[in-house]
Amino acid sequence: MKTLLMAAAFVAFTLSPASAAMMACTKDNMMKSAAMMGGTPDTPGKMAANKEMAMANTDMSNGKMKSACMHYMKSQKAMSAK
């Protein structure tokens, strides 16, 4: 459930005009991104972003913030690719 919320936030964020710049890798930004991802159509980019967000969530839960940030950035790139 937590992963789905994070994924949902990310999609919605990437569709906003302010999404041109990458968000800093913080727990709060990751949660904001996930909360905004919900209402977008399923695309290969969204699927890849969801997978990366799930890995970021797992790493963050295990205290591996460097790895979590790497997955978060990959997720942002996957969603911004058209």
Protein backbone atom coordinates (compact mmCIF):
# COMPACT_ATOMS: atom_id res chain seq x y z
CA MET A 1 0.00 0.00 0.00
CA LYS A 2 2.79 2.41 0.93
CA THR A 3 4.52 1.68 -2.38
CA LEU A 4 1.34 2.30 -4.33
CA LEU A 5 0.88 5.65 -2.62
CA MET A 6 4.45 6.61 -3.42
CA ALA A 7 4.01 5.54 -7.03
CA ALA A 8 0.76 7.46 -7.33
CA ALA A 9 2.35 10.63 -6.02
CA PHE A 10 5.23 10.39 -8.41
CA VAL A 11 3.08 10.15 -11.54
CA ALA A 12 0.98 13.14 -10.61
CA PHE A 13 4.07 15.14 -9.77
CA THR A 14 5.73 14.40 -13.09
CA LEU A 15 2.68 15.67 -14.94
CA SER A 16 2.73 19.03 -13.16
CA PRO A 17 4.48 22.04 -14.77
CA ALA A 18 7.00 22.20 -11.96
CA SER A 19 8.22 18.72 -12.79
CA ALA A 20 10.90 19.96 -15.17
CA ALA A 21 13.37 20.02 -12.28
CA MET A 22 14.17 16.88 -10.34
CA MET A 23 13.07 16.85 -6.72
CA ALA A 24 15.66 16.39 -4.02
CA CYS A 25 15.90 12.89 -2.62
CA THR A 26 14.24 13.19 0.76
CA LYS A 27 11.68 11.02 2.48
CA ASP A 28 9.11 13.84 2.31
CA ASN A 29 9.64 14.42 -1.41
CA MET A 30 9.40 10.70 -2.12
CA MET A 31 6.09 10.54 -0.28
CA LYS A 32 4.78 13.65 -2.06
CA SER A 33 5.75 12.17 -5.41
CA ALA A 34 4.04 8.88 -4.63
CA ALA A 35 0.85 10.59 -3.47
CA MET A 36 0.51 12.44 -6.77
CA MET A 37 0.92 9.44 -9.13
CA GLY A 38 -2.59 8.00 -8.86
CA GLY A 39 -4.65 9.43 -11.71
CA THR A 40 -2.39 8.80 -14.67
CA PRO A 41 -2.91 6.14 -17.34
CA ASP A 42 -0.83 2.98 -17.27
CA THR A 43 2.14 3.28 -19.61
CA PRO A 44 5.47 1.46 -19.83
CA GLY A 45 7.11 4.52 -18.23
CA LYS A 46 4.68 4.43 -15.32
CA MET A 47 5.29 0.70 -14.85
CA ALA A 48 9.07 1.28 -14.78
CA ALA A 49 8.64 4.19 -12.37
CA ASN A 50 6.46 2.07 -10.07
CA LYS A 51 9.11 -0.66 -10.04
CA GLU A 52 11.85 1.83 -9.18
CA MET A 53 9.70 3.44 -6.48
CA ALA A 54 9.07 0.01 -4.95
CA MET A 55 12.82 -0.64 -4.85
CA ALA A 56 13.40 2.83 -3.37
CA ASN A 57 10.79 2.15 -0.69
CA THR A 58 12.43 -1.18 0.20
CA ASP A 59 15.88 0.38 0.41
CA MET A 60 14.58 3.29 2.47
CA SER A 61 12.92 0.84 4.88
CA ASN A 62 16.25 -0.95 5.25
CA GLY A 63 18.11 2.30 5.95
CA LYS A 64 19.91 2.39 2.59
CA MET A 65 19.20 6.00 1.63
CA LYS A 66 21.92 6.20 -1.03
CA SER A 67 20.44 3.27 -2.91
CA ALA A 68 16.89 4.54 -2.31
CA CYS A 69 17.84 7.89 -3.85
CA MET A 70 19.33 6.14 -6.87
CA HIS A 71 16.05 4.30 -7.47
CA TYR A 72 14.04 7.47 -6.86
CA MET A 73 16.01 9.36 -9.49
CA LYS A 74 15.59 6.48 -11.96
CA SER A 75 11.86 6.59 -11.28
CA GLN A 76 11.73 10.32 -12.04
CA LYS A 77 13.61 9.76 -15.29
CA ALA A 78 11.29 6.90 -16.30
CA MET A 79 8.21 9.06 -15.80
CA SER A 80 9.64 12.06 -17.64
CA ALA A 81 10.56 9.98 -20.71
CA LYS A 82 7.86 10.17 -23.33
